Amino acid sequence: MFPARDGDALVLSWGVETAPKRMLIDGGRESTWAAIKKTYKDAPEEARTFELLIVSHIDADHIAGILKMLADPQRPIKFKEVWFNAYHHLVEGDWETFGPGQGETLSDLLSERPEIWNRSFGGKAVAIEDSGLPRRTIEGLDLTLLSPTRPKLRALAPEWKAWLKAEAWTAGFSRVANLRPMPSFRKDTKLSARSRTYRR
């Protein structure tokens, strides 16, 4: 557990004790990234390669540290897969255009790496289907998804839409333009703060 102030930043390790697998669940506030980076910056490469990054939702106390991490050109850790439900996962089949925000920023980053985004769910929403609780196996670790359901995702869509519109008006995330995210986990990719259009 990393110091995440009022949020969460959890590393789960499993497997062989001498060579464990790892996943990161959420990133806490922006300041949390410094603690995570300090822990892994001098670790061997295999200890800095995570099987999975899970971003549970777009509240700042869970996602802000993730964005800080992805904007860091000296980021020592990388991920083989990312689970994150973006706006287009909430409203499948709809077109929408919005300005930048934390969820949209992460969506921009992941859109450059579709092969790792919700890969275990075929690129679709990480969600519970009518057939029951989905189970996925990540490098020998069995995961059972308990939430969210499709109705819960759809219920979030209006709040997400309102939040993004409010951010566009207040320019609360004007610093997004200054981020240096690495969607392909390299140091040479820049993100432009722009509106995004989604289609499913």
Foldseek 3Di string as FASTA:
>chain_A
DFPQPPADWDKDWDDDPVQTAIEIEFQHALVRLVVVCVVPLPPPLSVQEHAEYEQPDQDRRGQNNVLNLQLDQSRRHDYQAYEDDALCLLPAADKDKFFDDRSVLVVQLQVVVQCRYPVQVVSHHPAADPVGFDWDAGPNDIDTDDDDHNVVSNVCNVVVRVVRNVCVVVVPVVCLQVGQGDSVPHRPHHDHGDMDIDGD
